[in-house]
């Protein structure tokens, strides 16, 4: 299963990641980080919807998002 991790200490709450997520699972969190920014998050009920496309990590200006992609089976069936 693909997933992302957001480094809340690096996130400045620009929410650019929320605009490029093709499945719309990234949202603004009600929490603030230590710098006083509302960070981005994936709600627990949406975690399994991540496709691992890496769009969020590519657009993040603060390199706050890490993506783990699940391997696709070879050959296709």
N, C-alpha and C. Protein backbone atom coordinates (compact mmCIF):
# COMPACT_ATOMS: atom_id res chain seq x y z
N UNK A 1 0.85 -1.17 0.00
CA UNK A 1 0.00 0.00 0.00
C UNK A 1 0.90 1.24 0.00
N UNK A 2 0.62 2.17 -0.88
CA UNK A 2 1.36 3.43 -0.94
C UNK A 2 0.91 4.32 0.21
N UNK A 3 1.84 5.17 0.66
CA UNK A 3 1.50 6.10 1.74
C UNK A 3 2.45 7.28 1.72
N UNK A 4 2.06 8.33 2.44
CA UNK A 4 2.93 9.49 2.57
C UNK A 4 3.14 9.79 4.04
N UNK A 5 4.23 10.50 4.32
CA UNK A 5 4.50 11.01 5.66
C UNK A 5 4.81 12.48 5.52
N UNK A 6 4.21 13.30 6.38
CA UNK A 6 4.43 14.73 6.36
C UNK A 6 5.25 15.11 7.59
N UNK A 7 6.39 15.74 7.35
CA UNK A 7 7.23 16.23 8.44
C UNK A 7 6.63 17.55 8.90
N UNK A 8 5.86 17.51 9.97
CA UNK A 8 5.12 18.69 10.42
C UNK A 8 6.04 19.83 10.83
N UNK A 9 7.25 19.53 11.25
CA UNK A 9 8.20 20.58 11.63
C UNK A 9 8.63 21.40 10.40
N UNK A 10 8.64 20.77 9.23
CA UNK A 10 9.04 21.46 7.99
C UNK A 10 7.86 22.11 7.26
N UNK A 11 6.65 21.61 7.50
CA UNK A 11 5.46 22.08 6.78
C UNK A 11 5.11 23.51 7.21
N UNK A 12 4.90 24.37 6.20
CA UNK A 12 4.52 25.75 6.48
C UNK A 12 3.06 26.03 6.14
N UNK A 13 2.31 24.99 5.90
CA UNK A 13 0.88 25.14 5.69
C UNK A 13 0.47 25.84 4.41
N UNK A 14 1.31 25.78 3.38
CA UNK A 14 0.97 26.43 2.10
C UNK A 14 -0.19 25.72 1.41
N UNK A 15 -0.33 24.43 1.68
CA UNK A 15 -1.41 23.59 1.14
C UNK A 15 -1.36 23.39 -0.37
N UNK A 16 -0.20 23.62 -0.97
CA UNK A 16 -0.06 23.32 -2.39
C UNK A 16 -0.31 21.83 -2.65
N UNK A 17 0.09 21.00 -1.71
CA UNK A 17 -0.10 19.56 -1.87
C UNK A 17 -1.58 19.19 -2.00
N UNK A 18 -2.43 19.94 -1.33
CA UNK A 18 -3.87 19.64 -1.39
C UNK A 18 -4.44 19.93 -2.77
N UNK A 19 -3.79 20.80 -3.52
CA UNK A 19 -4.31 21.17 -4.85
C UNK A 19 -3.93 20.18 -5.93
N UNK A 20 -2.90 19.36 -5.70
CA UNK A 20 -2.44 18.44 -6.74
C UNK A 20 -2.76 16.97 -6.46
N UNK A 21 -3.26 16.65 -5.30
CA UNK A 21 -3.58 15.26 -4.97
C UNK A 21 -4.74 14.78 -5.85
N UNK A 22 -4.51 13.77 -6.68
CA UNK A 22 -5.57 13.33 -7.60
C UNK A 22 -6.75 12.66 -6.90
N UNK A 23 -6.54 12.18 -5.68
CA UNK A 23 -7.65 11.54 -4.97
C UNK A 23 -8.18 12.40 -3.83
N UNK A 24 -7.61 13.59 -3.64
CA UNK A 24 -8.13 14.55 -2.68
C UNK A 24 -8.03 14.15 -1.22
N UNK A 25 -7.00 13.41 -0.84
CA UNK A 25 -6.90 12.95 0.55
C UNK A 25 -6.13 13.91 1.45
N UNK A 26 -5.42 14.86 0.89
CA UNK A 26 -4.67 15.82 1.69
C UNK A 26 -5.56 16.99 2.06
N UNK A 27 -5.59 17.32 3.35
CA UNK A 27 -6.42 18.41 3.86
C UNK A 27 -5.63 19.21 4.89
N UNK A 28 -6.15 20.39 5.24
CA UNK A 28 -5.54 21.18 6.29
C UNK A 28 -5.92 20.61 7.65
N UNK A 29 -4.94 20.44 8.49
CA UNK A 29 -5.16 19.90 9.82
C UNK A 29 -5.65 21.00 10.76
N UNK A 30 -6.41 20.66 11.78
CA UNK A 30 -6.79 21.65 12.78
C UNK A 30 -5.63 21.94 13.75
N UNK A 31 -4.56 21.12 13.67
CA UNK A 31 -3.41 21.29 14.57
C UNK A 31 -2.43 22.33 14.03
N UNK A 32 -1.68 22.93 14.93
CA UNK A 32 -0.61 23.85 14.58
C UNK A 32 0.73 23.18 14.89
N UNK A 33 1.76 23.46 14.08
CA UNK A 33 3.09 22.96 14.41
C UNK A 33 3.79 23.97 15.32
N UNK A 34 5.04 23.73 15.67
CA UNK A 34 5.75 24.60 16.60
C UNK A 34 5.97 26.01 16.06
N UNK A 35 5.96 26.15 14.74
CA UNK A 35 6.13 27.48 14.14
C UNK A 35 4.81 28.24 14.03
N UNK A 36 3.71 27.60 14.38
CA UNK A 36 2.41 28.25 14.35
C UNK A 36 1.64 28.09 13.06
N UNK A 37 2.07 27.16 12.21
CA UNK A 37 1.38 26.92 10.94
C UNK A 37 0.41 25.75 11.08
N UNK A 38 -0.74 25.86 10.43
CA UNK A 38 -1.64 24.71 10.33
C UNK A 38 -1.09 23.83 9.23
N UNK A 39 -0.77 22.61 9.57
CA UNK A 39 -0.10 21.71 8.64
C UNK A 39 -1.09 20.91 7.80
N UNK A 40 -0.59 20.29 6.77
CA UNK A 40 -1.39 19.39 5.94
C UNK A 40 -1.39 18.01 6.59
N UNK A 41 -2.43 17.24 6.32
CA UNK A 41 -2.51 15.89 6.86
C UNK A 41 -3.38 15.02 5.96
N UNK A 42 -3.27 13.73 6.18
CA UNK A 42 -4.16 12.75 5.57
C UNK A 42 -4.98 12.16 6.72
N UNK A 43 -6.28 12.25 6.61
CA UNK A 43 -7.14 11.69 7.66
C UNK A 43 -6.95 10.18 7.73
N UNK A 44 -7.03 9.61 8.92
CA UNK A 44 -6.82 8.15 9.06
C UNK A 44 -7.71 7.31 8.15
N UNK A 45 -8.94 7.73 7.94
CA UNK A 45 -9.85 6.94 7.10
C UNK A 45 -9.51 7.02 5.61
N UNK A 46 -8.63 7.96 5.24
CA UNK A 46 -8.25 8.12 3.83
C UNK A 46 -6.86 7.57 3.52
N UNK A 47 -6.14 7.09 4.48
CA UNK A 47 -4.75 6.67 4.29
C UNK A 47 -4.60 5.58 3.23
N UNK A 48 -5.55 4.68 3.14
CA UNK A 48 -5.44 3.58 2.18
C UNK A 48 -5.79 4.00 0.74
N UNK A 49 -6.19 5.25 0.55
CA UNK A 49 -6.55 5.74 -0.78
C UNK A 49 -5.36 6.33 -1.54
N UNK A 50 -4.22 6.49 -0.88
CA UNK A 50 -3.04 7.07 -1.52
C UNK A 50 -2.59 6.18 -2.68
N UNK A 51 -2.34 6.80 -3.84
CA UNK A 51 -1.91 6.05 -5.02
C UNK A 51 -0.40 6.05 -5.20
N UNK A 52 0.31 6.85 -4.40
CA UNK A 52 1.77 6.92 -4.52
C UNK A 52 2.23 7.69 -5.74
N UNK A 53 1.43 8.61 -6.22
CA UNK A 53 1.75 9.33 -7.45
C UNK A 53 2.92 10.32 -7.29
N UNK A 54 3.22 10.72 -6.10
CA UNK A 54 4.30 11.65 -5.71
C UNK A 54 4.04 13.10 -6.08
N UNK A 55 2.88 13.45 -6.56
CA UNK A 55 2.59 14.84 -6.91
C UNK A 55 2.75 15.77 -5.71
N UNK A 56 2.29 15.34 -4.56
CA UNK A 56 2.38 16.17 -3.36
C UNK A 56 3.83 16.45 -2.98
N UNK A 57 4.67 15.43 -3.04
CA UNK A 57 6.09 15.60 -2.68
C UNK A 57 6.81 16.48 -3.69
N UNK A 58 6.46 16.37 -4.96
CA UNK A 58 7.10 17.16 -6.00
C UNK A 58 6.77 18.65 -5.89
N UNK A 59 5.55 18.97 -5.48
CA UNK A 59 5.15 20.37 -5.41
C UNK A 59 5.52 21.03 -4.08
N UNK A 60 5.82 20.26 -3.07
CA UNK A 60 6.11 20.80 -1.73
C UNK A 60 7.41 21.62 -1.75
N UNK A 61 7.33 22.95 -1.50
CA UNK A 61 8.52 23.78 -1.54
C UNK A 61 9.45 23.57 -0.35
N UNK A 62 8.97 22.92 0.69
CA UNK A 62 9.76 22.73 1.90
C UNK A 62 10.26 21.30 2.08
N UNK A 63 10.04 20.46 1.08
CA UNK A 63 10.47 19.05 1.13
C UNK A 63 9.98 18.36 2.40
N UNK A 64 8.73 18.62 2.74
CA UNK A 64 8.15 18.10 3.97
C UNK A 64 7.41 16.77 3.77
N UNK A 65 7.33 16.29 2.54
CA UNK A 65 6.54 15.09 2.26
C UNK A 65 7.43 13.99 1.70
N UNK A 66 7.31 12.81 2.31
CA UNK A 66 7.99 11.62 1.82
C UNK A 66 6.93 10.64 1.35
N UNK A 67 7.17 10.02 0.20
CA UNK A 67 6.20 9.08 -0.37
C UNK A 67 6.81 7.69 -0.42
N UNK A 68 6.05 6.71 0.04
CA UNK A 68 6.41 5.30 -0.11
C UNK A 68 5.41 4.71 -1.07
N UNK A 69 5.92 4.16 -2.18
CA UNK A 69 5.06 3.58 -3.20
C UNK A 69 5.06 2.08 -3.07
N UNK A 70 3.89 1.49 -3.24
CA UNK A 70 3.82 0.03 -3.23
C UNK A 70 4.23 -0.48 -4.60
N UNK A 71 4.84 -1.66 -4.60
CA UNK A 71 5.27 -2.25 -5.86
C UNK A 71 4.06 -2.81 -6.60
N UNK A 72 4.08 -2.60 -7.90
CA UNK A 72 3.03 -3.14 -8.74
C UNK A 72 3.46 -4.52 -9.22
N UNK A 73 2.53 -5.45 -9.31
CA UNK A 73 2.91 -6.78 -9.79
C UNK A 73 3.37 -6.74 -11.24
N UNK A 74 4.39 -7.52 -11.54
CA UNK A 74 4.91 -7.58 -12.90
C UNK A 74 4.02 -8.43 -13.79
N UNK A 75 3.96 -8.09 -15.04
CA UNK A 75 3.23 -8.90 -16.00
C UNK A 75 1.79 -8.50 -16.19
N UNK A 76 1.11 -8.16 -15.15
CA UNK A 76 -0.30 -7.80 -15.26
C UNK A 76 -1.17 -9.01 -15.52
N UNK A 77 -2.20 -9.12 -14.77
CA UNK A 77 -3.09 -10.26 -14.95
C UNK A 77 -4.53 -9.85 -14.94
